[in-house]
Amino acid sequence: MIKKPKLTFWQIWNMNVGFFGIQFSFGLQQTAVNPIFSFLGAAHDELPLLNLAGPVTGLLIQPLIGAISDKTWIPKWGGRRKPFFMIGAIIASLCLFAFPFSPELWFAVGLLWLLDAGNNTAMEPYRAFIGDKLPDEQLTFGYQMQSLFVGAGITIANFSLFLFQDWFSVPAEEGAALCSTAVETVTAIPTWVYYSFFLGAIASIGTVLWSVWKTPEIPPSDEELNGIREFNKDKPNALIQIISVLVVLLTLPIALGFVARFFLPELLEDYNVLVIVILLLALIWVYIIYRWIKNHQANPFAKRMGDLLAPFIETTEAVGDMPKMMWTLAGVYFFQWYALFCYWQFITPMLRTSLYGIANTDYQKYEGIMEACEAGEVIATADQSFAQNIQLLSEQALAQTGLMNGTYNLVTMLVALALVPLARRVGSKWVYVLSLVITGIAMLSMPFIKDEYILLAPMILFGIGWAAMMGIPYAMVSKVIPEDRRGVYMGIVNMMIVIPMLIQTVSFGPIIKNLLGDNAVNAILFGGVFFIIASILAIRLKLPKEKEDHL
C-alpha cells in the first residue's frame, strides 16, 4: 500500500475548491428549482415526484462512476477521479445556463434530470478523491474542509437569490396588465433568477478547473496498475458500460410498469404508485440478472453480459461485503435524508403560509386567475391586483428562503473546521448525534416564528448540524472501507442518501395530501420529528477502537 504524505492546509484547501462550484449548483437546486416548478404551474403534492431526478440519478450514477473510477487510470486526462468530475462539471454548467430559460414545466423537469446527472458524476469521485489523497489522521480535517466548501457554495447561491431579488425584482404596481407578456407574472420565471443560474454555471466549471490544475492524483503502484489493466482486459470502455447498465436495468421494469398501468388503470392512476411499481420491478430484475451472471460464468454470453455490466456487478458485490458500521449508518440516513428532502421541498411553501399568510385557498384562487388569463379571458381589476400581490409575496418567500438557506450554509462554512478538534475530544459519533438533535429542534421551531429575522436563529442550529452531516459520516466511512474500493463504497454511501430521497418523492405526496392536510407547515414539523429519530439511531454507530479520533 502506498504511504500517503501529510498535506498542508493550503494543499487540502486547493483540492477542495472544486466542491464550491458543485455545491453552488446544489444550492440552486435546494432553493430555486422547486419555486421555479411552482412558477411554471406545479402544485404542492406534485413537488416530491417532480424531484425524482435527484434520487434516481444519484442511485444509478454515483455507484457506477465510483466503481468505474476505482478501475481507471488515465494520466493524460488527470488520473483516476479528475476526468469524471470534469465531465460532470461541464454538464452541470450547461444545464445551469439553460435552466432559467425553461418555457414549460416539462422542460425544467428534463433539465433537472441532466443537471442532477452532471452533479452526481462530479460529486462521487470528488468524495473518493479526498480519501485517495489523505492519510487516516487527516481524513476528518479533509472532509470537514469539504464541508466548509459545501457551506460556501450553497451560501453564495442562496445569498445571490436574496440579493438579486432585492436589486432586480419588478414590483407588481410598476408592472403592466397581469396577462401582458411584458411583465413577470406568477407563472413565469422572474428575470432576477436568471442571474443566479448564470453565476452558478461559471462557478461550477471554474472552481473544478482550479482543483484539477492545482492537485495531482497519487499514481497507482505497479501492482495496482497491473490489477487495473487485468480487470479492464477485454471489457468495453466506461461509457459503453454505463449505457449498458442503464439500458439493461431500466428498460424492462419501465416497460412492464407501463404495461401494468395499461391493464390496471384504476390501480395505477396515481403516478406515485406507478413509480413504486417500476422500482419494485427494477429491484426484482436486478436480483435476477445478478444471480444469472454469477451462476453461469462459464457461459460465453453470461461472461459478455458480466463485462458489459461490470460496474453493476462490482457495486452489488461491494454491498454484500459492506462493513457493519455502514449498515447502521444506512438506518440513520433513512430518517436524516427523508427529513432534509422535506425541508428543501417545503420551506418556501411553509414561509408563504406561516410568514406571509397565503392560505391554500388563496393559492387555488390565484391559480384559477392565471388559468383564466392563459385562456385569454378578461380578468377583473380586483383579481389582477390579488394575483399580482400573491406573485410579490411568493417572490418574497423565495428570497426569504434564500436568506435562510444562505444563513445556515454560512454557519456551516464558519464552524466546519471548528468541529475537527471537537470530534477528536468527544468522538466523531457524538458530534454527529448532537448535530442531528439540534437540526431537528431547528425544524420544529421554524413554523412558529413570525419574524423574518428571528427565523435566522434556528438556521444557526441547522448550519452547525449541516456542517457535521456533510463531513463527519464520510470520514467515519472512509476509515473502515478497503482502499482499492473507495470509489464504489463512496457511491454506496450516496445510495444510502438517495434511496430515502427516492422513497420520499414517491411517498410524501400522498402523505402531505391525505395525512398532513396539504399543509407545508406540517411537512416541516414532520421532518423535524424524523431528525430526532435519526439522532437516536446514530447512537449505535461504532468505529473500531484504533480508527477513532484522538487528540
Protein backbone atom coordinates (compact mmCIF):
# COMPACT_ATOMS: atom_id res chain seq x y z
CA MET A 1 0.00 0.00 0.00
CA ILE A 2 1.27 3.47 -0.93
CA LYS A 3 2.13 5.62 2.11
CA LYS A 4 0.29 8.90 1.78
CA PRO A 5 2.17 12.05 2.81
CA LYS A 6 0.52 14.59 5.09
CA LEU A 7 -0.73 17.62 3.17
CA THR A 8 -0.56 21.27 4.20
CA PHE A 9 -3.61 23.40 4.93
CA TRP A 10 -3.45 25.08 1.51
CA GLN A 11 -2.97 21.80 -0.35
CA ILE A 12 -6.15 20.46 1.29
CA TRP A 13 -7.83 23.80 0.55
CA ASN A 14 -6.95 23.68 -3.15
CA MET A 15 -8.07 20.10 -3.62
CA ASN A 16 -11.50 21.01 -2.18
CA VAL A 17 -12.10 24.29 -4.05
CA GLY A 18 -13.94 22.46 -6.86
CA PHE A 19 -16.57 21.36 -4.37
CA PHE A 20 -17.60 25.04 -4.12
CA GLY A 21 -18.91 25.04 -7.69
CA ILE A 22 -20.62 21.67 -7.33
CA GLN A 23 -22.38 22.86 -4.18
CA PHE A 24 -23.31 26.23 -5.73
CA SER A 25 -25.26 24.18 -8.26
CA PHE A 26 -26.72 22.05 -5.47
CA GLY A 27 -27.70 25.19 -3.57
CA LEU A 28 -29.70 26.45 -6.53
CA GLN A 29 -31.42 23.06 -6.71
CA GLN A 30 -32.27 23.26 -3.00
CA THR A 31 -33.68 26.75 -3.09
CA ALA A 32 -34.71 27.81 -6.59
CA VAL A 33 -35.79 24.72 -8.52
CA ASN A 34 -38.98 23.93 -6.60
CA PRO A 35 -40.17 27.57 -6.65
CA ILE A 36 -39.41 27.58 -10.40
CA PHE A 37 -41.60 24.50 -10.73
CA SER A 38 -44.30 26.41 -8.83
CA PHE A 39 -43.88 29.45 -11.07
CA LEU A 40 -44.42 27.10 -14.04
CA GLY A 41 -47.63 25.70 -12.58
CA ALA A 42 -46.70 22.75 -10.30
CA ALA A 43 -48.98 22.02 -7.31
CA HIS A 44 -47.79 21.20 -3.73
CA ASP A 45 -48.46 17.48 -3.97
CA GLU A 46 -46.61 17.30 -7.33
CA LEU A 47 -43.32 18.68 -5.98
CA PRO A 48 -41.98 15.42 -4.46
CA LEU A 49 -42.47 13.46 -7.69
CA LEU A 50 -41.01 16.28 -9.81
CA ASN A 51 -37.85 15.93 -7.71
CA LEU A 52 -37.49 12.27 -8.63
CA ALA A 53 -34.42 13.16 -10.74
CA GLY A 54 -32.19 13.67 -7.70
CA PRO A 55 -32.57 10.28 -6.04
CA VAL A 56 -32.80 8.26 -9.26
CA THR A 57 -29.70 9.77 -10.87
CA GLY A 58 -27.83 9.55 -7.57
CA LEU A 59 -28.82 5.91 -7.15
CA LEU A 60 -27.69 4.99 -10.66
CA ILE A 61 -24.84 7.37 -11.48
CA GLN A 62 -22.76 7.62 -8.31
CA PRO A 63 -22.09 3.91 -7.65
CA LEU A 64 -21.45 3.31 -11.36
CA ILE A 65 -18.99 6.19 -11.60
CA GLY A 66 -17.39 5.10 -8.31
CA ALA A 67 -16.91 1.51 -9.49
CA ILE A 68 -15.52 2.63 -12.85
CA SER A 69 -13.18 5.24 -11.38
CA ASP A 70 -11.73 2.62 -8.98
CA LYS A 71 -10.56 0.72 -12.08
CA THR A 72 -9.41 3.74 -14.09
CA TRP A 73 -6.05 5.39 -14.60
CA ILE A 74 -5.78 7.94 -17.44
CA PRO A 75 -2.69 10.13 -16.83
CA LYS A 76 -3.38 12.26 -19.92
CA TRP A 77 -6.76 13.35 -18.51
CA GLY A 78 -5.74 13.78 -14.87
CA GLY A 79 -5.70 10.27 -13.44
CA ARG A 80 -8.41 8.30 -11.69
CA ARG A 81 -11.08 10.68 -10.35
CA LYS A 82 -10.43 14.02 -12.07
CA PRO A 83 -11.68 13.03 -15.56
CA PHE A 84 -15.08 12.23 -14.09
CA PHE A 85 -15.65 15.36 -12.04
CA MET A 86 -14.51 17.44 -15.03
CA ILE A 87 -17.16 15.83 -17.24
CA GLY A 88 -19.78 16.28 -14.53
CA ALA A 89 -18.92 19.97 -14.06
CA ILE A 90 -19.25 20.67 -17.79
CA ILE A 91 -22.68 19.02 -17.96
CA ALA A 92 -23.86 20.88 -14.84
CA SER A 93 -22.64 24.26 -16.14
CA LEU A 94 -24.51 23.88 -19.42
CA CYS A 95 -27.71 22.89 -17.62
CA LEU A 96 -27.47 25.78 -15.15
CA PHE A 97 -27.11 28.23 -18.02
CA ALA A 98 -30.20 26.81 -19.76
CA PHE A 99 -32.44 26.29 -16.70
CA PRO A 100 -34.00 29.77 -16.30
CA PHE A 101 -34.96 29.76 -19.99
CA SER A 102 -37.37 26.87 -19.35
CA PRO A 103 -40.59 27.72 -21.24
CA GLU A 104 -42.70 24.91 -19.72
CA LEU A 105 -42.71 22.69 -16.65
CA TRP A 106 -41.72 19.56 -18.61
CA PHE A 107 -38.64 21.34 -19.98
CA ALA A 108 -37.48 22.39 -16.50
CA VAL A 109 -38.02 18.87 -15.16
CA GLY A 110 -35.96 17.42 -18.05
CA LEU A 111 -33.13 19.85 -17.36
CA LEU A 112 -33.19 18.88 -13.69
CA TRP A 113 -32.52 15.26 -14.71
CA LEU A 114 -29.50 16.32 -16.77
CA LEU A 115 -28.28 18.71 -14.06
CA ASP A 116 -28.51 16.02 -11.39
CA ALA A 117 -26.68 13.54 -13.63
CA GLY A 118 -23.86 16.05 -14.08
CA ASN A 119 -23.65 16.92 -10.38
CA ASN A 120 -23.62 13.25 -9.38
CA THR A 121 -20.93 12.45 -11.94
CA ALA A 122 -18.78 15.17 -10.36
CA MET A 123 -19.65 14.62 -6.70
CA GLU A 124 -18.96 10.89 -6.21
CA PRO A 125 -15.35 10.80 -7.45
CA TYR A 126 -14.72 14.03 -5.52
CA ARG A 127 -15.65 12.26 -2.26
CA ALA A 128 -13.31 9.39 -3.14
CA PHE A 129 -10.60 11.87 -4.25
CA ILE A 130 -10.26 13.19 -0.68
CA GLY A 131 -9.86 9.67 0.71
CA ASP A 132 -7.34 8.81 -2.01
CA LYS A 133 -5.08 11.74 -1.11
CA LEU A 134 -5.17 11.91 2.69
CA PRO A 135 -3.80 9.61 5.42
CA ASP A 136 -6.25 8.43 8.10
CA GLU A 137 -5.21 11.09 10.62
CA GLN A 138 -6.17 13.88 8.16
CA LEU A 139 -9.46 12.40 6.89
CA THR A 140 -11.70 14.24 9.36
CA PHE A 141 -9.97 17.53 8.55
CA GLY A 142 -10.18 16.85 4.80
CA TYR A 143 -13.88 16.05 4.81
CA GLN A 144 -14.66 18.96 7.12
CA MET A 145 -12.79 21.21 4.68
CA GLN A 146 -15.09 19.79 2.03
CA SER A 147 -17.99 20.62 4.35
CA LEU A 148 -16.66 24.20 4.52
CA PHE A 149 -16.91 24.45 0.73
CA VAL A 150 -20.34 22.85 0.83
CA GLY A 151 -21.38 25.72 3.07
CA ALA A 152 -19.59 28.35 0.99
CA GLY A 153 -21.08 27.20 -2.33
CA ILE A 154 -24.64 26.98 -1.07
CA THR A 155 -24.26 30.23 0.88
CA ILE A 156 -23.28 32.26 -2.17
CA ALA A 157 -26.00 30.56 -4.23
CA ASN A 158 -28.70 31.46 -1.72
CA PHE A 159 -27.48 34.96 -0.96
CA SER A 160 -27.33 35.62 -4.72
CA LEU A 161 -31.04 34.78 -4.93
CA PHE A 162 -31.81 37.07 -1.99
CA LEU A 163 -29.75 39.98 -3.32
CA PHE A 164 -30.81 39.69 -6.97
CA GLN A 165 -34.47 39.60 -5.92
CA ASP A 166 -33.90 42.78 -3.92
CA TRP A 167 -31.99 44.52 -6.73
CA PHE A 168 -33.80 43.42 -9.87
CA SER A 169 -37.35 42.31 -8.95
CA VAL A 170 -40.13 44.32 -10.66
CA PRO A 171 -42.73 45.50 -8.10
CA ALA A 172 -46.26 44.49 -9.02
CA GLU A 173 -47.57 48.07 -9.05
CA GLU A 174 -44.96 49.05 -11.65
CA GLY A 175 -45.92 46.23 -13.99
CA ALA A 176 -48.33 46.31 -16.86
CA ALA A 177 -51.51 44.23 -17.02
CA LEU A 178 -51.32 40.79 -15.41
CA CYS A 179 -51.64 38.89 -18.68
CA SER A 180 -49.12 41.02 -20.56
CA THR A 181 -46.03 39.15 -21.74
CA ALA A 182 -44.03 42.27 -20.90
CA VAL A 183 -44.15 41.57 -17.18
CA GLU A 184 -43.19 38.80 -14.83
CA THR A 185 -46.38 37.02 -13.81
CA VAL A 186 -46.89 34.26 -11.31
CA THR A 187 -46.47 31.61 -14.00
CA ALA A 188 -43.21 32.99 -15.39
CA ILE A 189 -39.70 32.65 -14.01
CA PRO A 190 -38.59 36.07 -12.68
CA THR A 191 -35.69 37.61 -14.58
CA TRP A 192 -33.61 38.04 -11.41
CA VAL A 193 -33.47 34.25 -11.02
CA TYR A 194 -31.51 34.06 -14.31
CA TYR A 195 -28.53 35.87 -12.85
CA SER A 196 -28.01 33.34 -10.04
CA PHE A 197 -28.05 30.46 -12.51
CA PHE A 198 -25.54 32.20 -14.79
CA LEU A 199 -23.25 32.79 -11.81
CA GLY A 200 -23.64 29.11 -10.86
CA ALA A 201 -22.68 27.96 -14.35
CA ILE A 202 -19.42 29.93 -14.16
CA ALA A 203 -18.66 28.73 -10.61
CA SER A 204 -19.33 25.07 -11.44
CA ILE A 205 -16.72 24.77 -14.16
CA GLY A 206 -14.27 27.42 -12.90
CA THR A 207 -13.65 26.01 -9.43
CA VAL A 208 -13.36 22.42 -10.64
CA LEU A 209 -10.73 23.54 -13.15
CA TRP A 210 -8.81 25.14 -10.27
CA SER A 211 -8.69 21.90 -8.26
CA VAL A 212 -7.78 19.85 -11.33
CA TRP A 213 -4.90 22.24 -12.07
CA LYS A 214 -3.60 22.54 -8.50
CA THR A 215 -3.94 18.96 -7.20
CA PRO A 216 -2.21 15.94 -8.77
CA GLU A 217 -3.58 12.47 -8.08
CA ILE A 218 -1.43 9.80 -6.44
CA PRO A 219 -0.34 7.34 -9.16
CA PRO A 220 -1.19 3.67 -8.51
CA SER A 221 1.60 1.27 -7.60
CA ASP A 222 2.85 -1.11 -10.30
CA GLU A 223 0.87 -3.92 -8.66
CA GLU A 224 -2.31 -1.84 -8.54
CA LEU A 225 -1.81 -0.67 -12.13
CA ASN A 226 -1.43 -4.25 -13.31
CA GLY A 227 -4.62 -5.13 -11.43
CA ILE A 228 -6.48 -2.30 -13.17
CA ARG A 229 -5.24 -3.43 -16.59
CA GLU A 230 -6.17 -7.04 -15.87
CA PHE A 231 -9.65 -6.07 -14.68
CA ASN A 232 -10.29 -3.94 -17.79
CA LYS A 233 -8.87 -6.50 -20.21
CA ASP A 234 -11.41 -7.34 -22.95
CA LYS A 235 -14.05 -5.12 -21.30
CA PRO A 236 -15.77 -2.31 -23.26
CA ASN A 237 -14.93 1.31 -22.43
CA ALA A 238 -16.52 3.08 -19.48
CA LEU A 239 -19.18 4.95 -21.48
CA ILE A 240 -20.46 1.74 -23.06
CA GLN A 241 -20.54 0.08 -19.63
CA ILE A 242 -22.59 2.92 -18.14
CA ILE A 243 -25.06 2.95 -21.05
CA SER A 244 -25.35 -0.85 -20.93
CA VAL A 245 -26.12 -0.85 -17.21
CA LEU A 246 -28.78 1.85 -17.57
CA VAL A 247 -30.43 0.20 -20.58
CA VAL A 248 -30.40 -3.35 -19.18
CA LEU A 249 -31.51 -2.41 -15.67
CA LEU A 250 -34.20 0.13 -16.58
CA THR A 251 -35.78 -0.82 -19.91
CA LEU A 252 -37.70 -3.92 -18.85
CA PRO A 253 -39.01 -2.58 -15.48
CA ILE A 254 -40.20 0.67 -17.12
CA ALA A 255 -41.87 -1.24 -19.97
CA LEU A 256 -43.57 -3.65 -17.55
CA GLY A 257 -44.67 -0.75 -15.35
CA PHE A 258 -46.46 0.96 -18.22
CA VAL A 259 -47.94 -2.35 -19.36
CA ALA A 260 -49.33 -2.82 -15.85
CA ARG A 261 -50.71 0.71 -15.95
CA PHE A 262 -52.44 -0.04 -19.26
CA PHE A 263 -54.16 -3.17 -17.94
CA LEU A 264 -54.85 -1.82 -14.42
CA PRO A 265 -55.66 1.88 -14.92
CA GLU A 266 -57.75 2.08 -11.76
CA LEU A 267 -54.88 0.78 -9.63
CA LEU A 268 -52.23 2.99 -11.20
CA GLU A 269 -53.97 6.31 -11.84
CA ASP A 270 -51.56 7.93 -9.37
CA TYR A 271 -48.06 8.37 -10.85
CA ASN A 272 -46.58 7.85 -7.38
CA VAL A 273 -47.96 4.31 -7.45
CA LEU A 274 -46.59 3.80 -10.96
CA VAL A 275 -43.10 4.80 -9.82
CA ILE A 276 -43.31 2.44 -6.84
CA VAL A 277 -44.34 -0.44 -9.13
CA ILE A 278 -41.45 0.29 -11.51
CA LEU A 279 -38.96 0.44 -8.64
CA LEU A 280 -40.16 -2.88 -7.24
CA LEU A 281 -39.91 -4.48 -10.69
CA ALA A 282 -36.41 -3.00 -11.09
CA LEU A 283 -35.32 -4.47 -7.74
CA ILE A 284 -36.53 -7.93 -8.73
CA TRP A 285 -34.96 -7.60 -12.17
CA VAL A 286 -31.60 -6.54 -10.70
CA TYR A 287 -31.53 -9.59 -8.44
CA ILE A 288 -32.40 -11.94 -11.33
CA ILE A 289 -29.68 -10.52 -13.58
CA TYR A 290 -27.02 -10.64 -10.87
CA ARG A 291 -27.79 -14.24 -9.86
CA TRP A 292 -27.90 -15.38 -13.51
CA ILE A 293 -24.49 -13.85 -14.31
CA LYS A 294 -22.86 -15.22 -11.14
CA ASN A 295 -24.30 -18.73 -11.65
CA HIS A 296 -23.38 -19.04 -15.35
CA GLN A 297 -19.84 -17.69 -15.51
CA ALA A 298 -18.81 -20.48 -17.89
CA ASN A 299 -21.45 -19.36 -20.36
CA PRO A 300 -19.84 -17.03 -23.00
CA PHE A 301 -22.97 -14.89 -23.22
CA ALA A 302 -23.17 -14.55 -19.44
CA LYS A 303 -19.48 -13.59 -19.35
CA ARG A 304 -20.08 -10.97 -22.02
CA MET A 305 -23.00 -9.58 -20.04
CA GLY A 306 -20.82 -9.54 -16.93
CA ASP A 307 -18.21 -7.48 -18.78
CA LEU A 308 -20.84 -5.04 -20.07
CA LEU A 309 -22.37 -4.70 -16.61
CA ALA A 310 -19.06 -4.72 -14.68
CA PRO A 311 -19.82 -1.58 -12.60
CA PHE A 312 -23.17 -3.06 -11.59
CA ILE A 313 -21.60 -6.39 -10.58
CA GLU A 314 -18.87 -4.60 -8.63
CA THR A 315 -21.41 -2.43 -6.78
CA THR A 316 -23.64 -5.37 -5.92
CA GLU A 317 -20.74 -7.41 -4.53
CA ALA A 318 -19.50 -4.40 -2.53
CA VAL A 319 -22.93 -4.05 -0.89
CA GLY A 320 -22.68 -7.69 0.18
CA ASP A 321 -19.25 -7.05 1.73
CA MET A 322 -20.25 -3.79 3.41
CA PRO A 323 -18.83 -3.15 6.92
CA LYS A 324 -21.33 -3.36 9.80
CA MET A 325 -20.91 0.34 10.61
CA MET A 326 -22.21 1.24 7.15
CA TRP A 327 -25.37 -0.83 7.68
CA THR A 328 -26.03 1.10 10.88
CA LEU A 329 -25.40 4.38 9.06
CA ALA A 330 -27.95 3.36 6.41
CA GLY A 331 -30.68 3.34 9.09
CA VAL A 332 -29.65 6.78 10.32
CA TYR A 333 -29.51 8.13 6.79
CA PHE A 334 -33.04 6.98 6.00
CA PHE A 335 -34.57 9.37 8.54
CA GLN A 336 -31.95 12.12 8.07
CA TRP A 337 -32.26 12.46 4.31
CA TYR A 338 -36.02 11.92 4.20
CA ALA A 339 -36.27 14.89 6.58
CA LEU A 340 -33.84 17.04 4.58
CA PHE A 341 -35.81 16.48 1.38
CA CYS A 342 -38.97 17.57 3.21
CA TYR A 343 -37.16 20.76 4.25
CA TRP A 344 -35.85 21.62 0.78
CA GLN A 345 -39.17 20.97 -0.92
CA PHE A 346 -41.47 22.71 1.55
CA ILE A 347 -39.55 25.54 3.22
CA THR A 348 -40.73 28.12 0.65
CA PRO A 349 -44.37 26.91 0.71
CA MET A 350 -44.17 26.93 4.53
CA LEU A 351 -42.99 30.55 4.52
CA ARG A 352 -45.79 31.53 2.16
CA THR A 353 -48.22 30.25 4.80
CA SER A 354 -46.52 30.85 8.16
CA LEU A 355 -44.78 34.16 7.42
CA TYR A 356 -46.78 35.77 4.59
CA GLY A 357 -50.25 34.39 5.34
CA ILE A 358 -51.02 32.85 1.94
CA ALA A 359 -53.53 30.07 2.59
CA ASN A 360 -54.11 27.13 0.25
CA THR A 361 -57.42 28.69 -0.77
CA ASP A 362 -55.60 31.90 -1.75
CA TYR A 363 -53.18 29.93 -3.89
CA GLN A 364 -56.00 27.99 -5.52
CA LYS A 365 -57.75 31.26 -6.34
CA TYR A 366 -54.59 32.70 -7.85
CA GLU A 367 -54.04 29.57 -9.95
CA GLY A 368 -57.62 29.88 -11.23
CA ILE A 369 -56.99 33.51 -12.18
CA MET A 370 -53.83 32.58 -14.06
CA GLU A 371 -55.56 29.73 -15.89
CA ALA A 372 -58.23 32.17 -16.99
CA CYS A 373 -55.52 34.61 -18.02
CA GLU A 374 -53.75 31.99 -20.12
CA ALA A 375 -57.09 31.07 -21.74
CA GLY A 376 -57.47 34.66 -22.92
CA GLU A 377 -60.31 35.63 -20.61
CA VAL A 378 -60.79 39.17 -19.33
CA ILE A 379 -59.56 39.44 -15.73
CA ALA A 380 -61.25 41.82 -13.31
CA THR A 381 -59.08 44.57 -11.83
CA ALA A 382 -59.53 43.22 -8.30
CA ASP A 383 -58.44 39.74 -9.40
CA GLN A 384 -55.42 41.19 -11.20
CA SER A 385 -54.36 43.02 -8.03
CA PHE A 386 -54.91 39.88 -5.97
CA ALA A 387 -52.78 37.71 -8.28
CA GLN A 388 -50.03 40.33 -8.51
CA ASN A 389 -49.93 40.52 -4.71
CA ILE A 390 -49.64 36.74 -4.47
CA GLN A 391 -46.81 36.93 -7.02
CA LEU A 392 -44.99 39.54 -4.96
CA LEU A 393 -45.41 37.60 -1.71
CA SER A 394 -44.32 34.37 -3.42
CA GLU A 395 -41.15 36.06 -4.63
CA GLN A 396 -40.53 37.40 -1.11
CA ALA A 397 -40.95 33.86 0.26
CA LEU A 398 -38.39 32.58 -2.25
CA ALA A 399 -35.99 35.39 -1.33
CA GLN A 400 -36.51 34.66 2.39
CA THR A 401 -35.69 31.01 1.68
CA GLY A 402 -32.50 32.18 0.02
CA LEU A 403 -31.63 34.27 3.07
CA MET A 404 -32.36 31.41 5.49
CA ASN A 405 -30.53 28.78 3.45
CA GLY A 406 -27.67 31.17 2.91
CA THR A 407 -27.50 31.76 6.67
CA TYR A 408 -27.29 28.09 7.60
CA ASN A 409 -24.67 27.45 4.95
CA LEU A 410 -22.67 30.49 6.09
CA VAL A 411 -22.70 28.98 9.58
CA THR A 412 -21.61 25.66 8.07
CA MET A 413 -18.70 27.39 6.39
CA LEU A 414 -17.66 29.11 9.64
CA VAL A 415 -17.92 26.12 12.00
CA ALA A 416 -16.90 23.21 9.74
CA LEU A 417 -13.22 23.20 10.71
CA ALA A 418 -14.01 24.02 14.34
CA LEU A 419 -15.75 20.63 14.59
CA VAL A 420 -12.45 18.81 13.92
CA PRO A 421 -10.89 19.35 17.40
CA LEU A 422 -14.32 18.75 18.98
CA ALA A 423 -14.57 15.40 17.19
CA ARG A 424 -11.10 14.48 18.43
CA ARG A 425 -12.04 15.36 22.00
CA VAL A 426 -15.50 13.77 22.35
CA GLY A 427 -15.56 11.44 19.33
CA SER A 428 -16.99 11.80 15.82
CA LYS A 429 -20.11 9.82 16.67
CA TRP A 430 -21.23 12.14 19.47
CA VAL A 431 -20.68 15.26 17.39
CA TYR A 432 -22.81 13.67 14.68
CA VAL A 433 -25.56 12.67 17.15
CA LEU A 434 -25.71 16.19 18.57
CA SER A 435 -25.86 17.65 15.05
CA LEU A 436 -28.99 15.62 14.28
CA VAL A 437 -30.67 16.67 17.55
CA ILE A 438 -30.15 20.39 17.05
CA THR A 439 -31.23 20.21 13.38
CA GLY A 440 -34.46 18.55 14.48
CA ILE A 441 -35.02 21.30 17.08
CA ALA A 442 -34.44 23.92 14.37
CA MET A 443 -37.05 22.42 12.03
CA LEU A 444 -39.61 22.00 14.81
CA SER A 445 -39.31 25.69 15.73
CA MET A 446 -39.43 27.29 12.26
CA PRO A 447 -43.20 27.28 11.62
CA PHE A 448 -43.90 29.11 14.90
CA ILE A 449 -41.63 32.10 14.23
CA LYS A 450 -43.40 35.04 12.61
CA ASP A 451 -40.48 37.43 12.14
CA GLU A 452 -38.23 37.13 9.08
CA TYR A 453 -35.07 37.98 11.04
CA ILE A 454 -35.79 35.86 14.11
CA LEU A 455 -36.25 33.00 11.63
CA LEU A 456 -32.49 33.15 11.12
CA ALA A 457 -31.91 31.89 14.69
CA PRO A 458 -32.89 28.24 14.02
CA MET A 459 -30.79 28.40 10.86
CA ILE A 460 -27.70 28.76 13.08
CA LEU A 461 -28.51 25.37 14.64
CA PHE A 462 -29.31 23.98 11.20
CA GLY A 463 -25.95 25.19 9.89
CA ILE A 464 -23.98 23.52 12.70
CA GLY A 465 -25.86 20.30 12.05
CA TRP A 466 -25.30 20.52 8.30
CA ALA A 467 -21.57 21.07 8.83
CA ALA A 468 -21.32 17.80 10.75
CA MET A 469 -23.61 15.86 8.41
CA MET A 470 -21.61 16.81 5.31
CA GLY A 471 -18.23 15.83 6.71
CA ILE A 472 -18.13 13.51 9.70
CA PRO A 473 -20.03 10.47 8.30
CA TYR A 474 -17.75 10.42 5.22
CA ALA A 475 -14.63 10.50 7.40
CA MET A 476 -16.02 7.65 9.52
CA VAL A 477 -16.85 5.54 6.47
CA SER A 478 -13.50 6.28 4.83
CA LYS A 479 -11.72 4.70 7.81
CA VAL A 480 -13.48 1.32 7.53
CA ILE A 481 -13.61 0.68 3.76
CA PRO A 482 -10.94 -1.01 1.59
CA GLU A 483 -8.55 1.42 -0.09
CA ASP A 484 -8.89 -0.17 -3.53
CA ARG A 485 -12.72 0.04 -3.45
CA ARG A 486 -13.05 3.58 -2.11
CA GLY A 487 -14.90 4.86 -5.16
CA VAL A 488 -17.60 2.20 -5.17
CA TYR A 489 -18.13 2.45 -1.41
CA MET A 490 -18.49 6.22 -1.57
CA GLY A 491 -21.07 5.55 -4.29
CA ILE A 492 -22.84 3.15 -1.93
CA VAL A 493 -22.88 5.85 0.77
CA ASN A 494 -24.65 8.02 -1.76
CA MET A 495 -27.12 5.19 -2.40
CA MET A 496 -27.92 5.39 1.33
CA ILE A 497 -28.71 9.07 0.74
CA VAL A 498 -30.75 8.80 -2.43
CA ILE A 499 -32.84 5.74 -1.51
CA PRO A 500 -34.52 7.69 1.35
CA MET A 501 -34.94 10.61 -1.04
CA LEU A 502 -36.45 8.30 -3.64
CA ILE A 503 -38.84 6.86 -1.06
CA GLN A 504 -39.72 10.41 -0.02
CA THR A 505 -40.50 11.52 -3.57
CA VAL A 506 -42.97 8.69 -4.13
CA SER A 507 -44.46 8.56 -0.62
CA PHE A 508 -44.63 12.11 0.67
CA GLY A 509 -47.05 13.47 -1.93
CA PRO A 510 -49.86 11.20 -0.67
CA ILE A 511 -48.72 11.76 2.95
CA ILE A 512 -48.98 15.55 2.81
CA LYS A 513 -52.20 15.43 0.81
CA ASN A 514 -54.05 12.83 2.88
CA LEU A 515 -52.44 12.88 6.35
CA LEU A 516 -50.96 16.37 6.79
CA GLY A 517 -53.85 18.43 5.44
CA ASP A 518 -51.94 19.58 2.32
CA ASN A 519 -50.14 21.95 4.68
CA ALA A 520 -46.47 22.81 4.16
CA VAL A 521 -46.15 23.75 7.86
CA ASN A 522 -46.96 20.17 8.82
CA ALA A 523 -44.37 18.91 6.30
CA ILE A 524 -41.62 20.85 8.09
CA LEU A 525 -42.74 19.57 11.51
CA PHE A 526 -42.78 16.02 10.11
CA GLY A 527 -39.14 16.47 9.03
CA GLY A 528 -38.15 17.71 12.47
CA VAL A 529 -39.51 14.55 14.11
CA PHE A 530 -37.56 12.40 11.63
CA PHE A 531 -34.33 14.19 12.59
CA ILE A 532 -34.86 13.33 16.25
CA ILE A 533 -35.39 9.66 15.31
CA ALA A 534 -32.17 9.75 13.26
CA SER A 535 -30.22 11.07 16.25
CA ILE A 536 -31.41 8.17 18.43
CA LEU A 537 -30.34 5.62 15.81
CA ALA A 538 -26.94 7.33 15.38
CA ILE A 539 -26.02 6.42 18.96
CA ARG A 540 -25.49 2.85 17.69
CA LEU A 541 -22.69 3.89 15.27
CA LYS A 542 -19.33 2.43 16.25
CA LEU A 543 -15.83 2.67 14.78
CA PRO A 544 -13.05 0.18 15.58
CA LYS A 545 -11.04 1.42 18.57
CA GLU A 546 -7.91 2.05 16.52
CA LYS A 547 -9.88 4.15 13.99
CA GLU A 548 -11.45 6.58 16.46
CA ASP A 549 -10.38 10.23 16.55
CA HIS A 550 -7.77 11.11 19.16
CA LEU A 551 -6.28 14.36 20.39
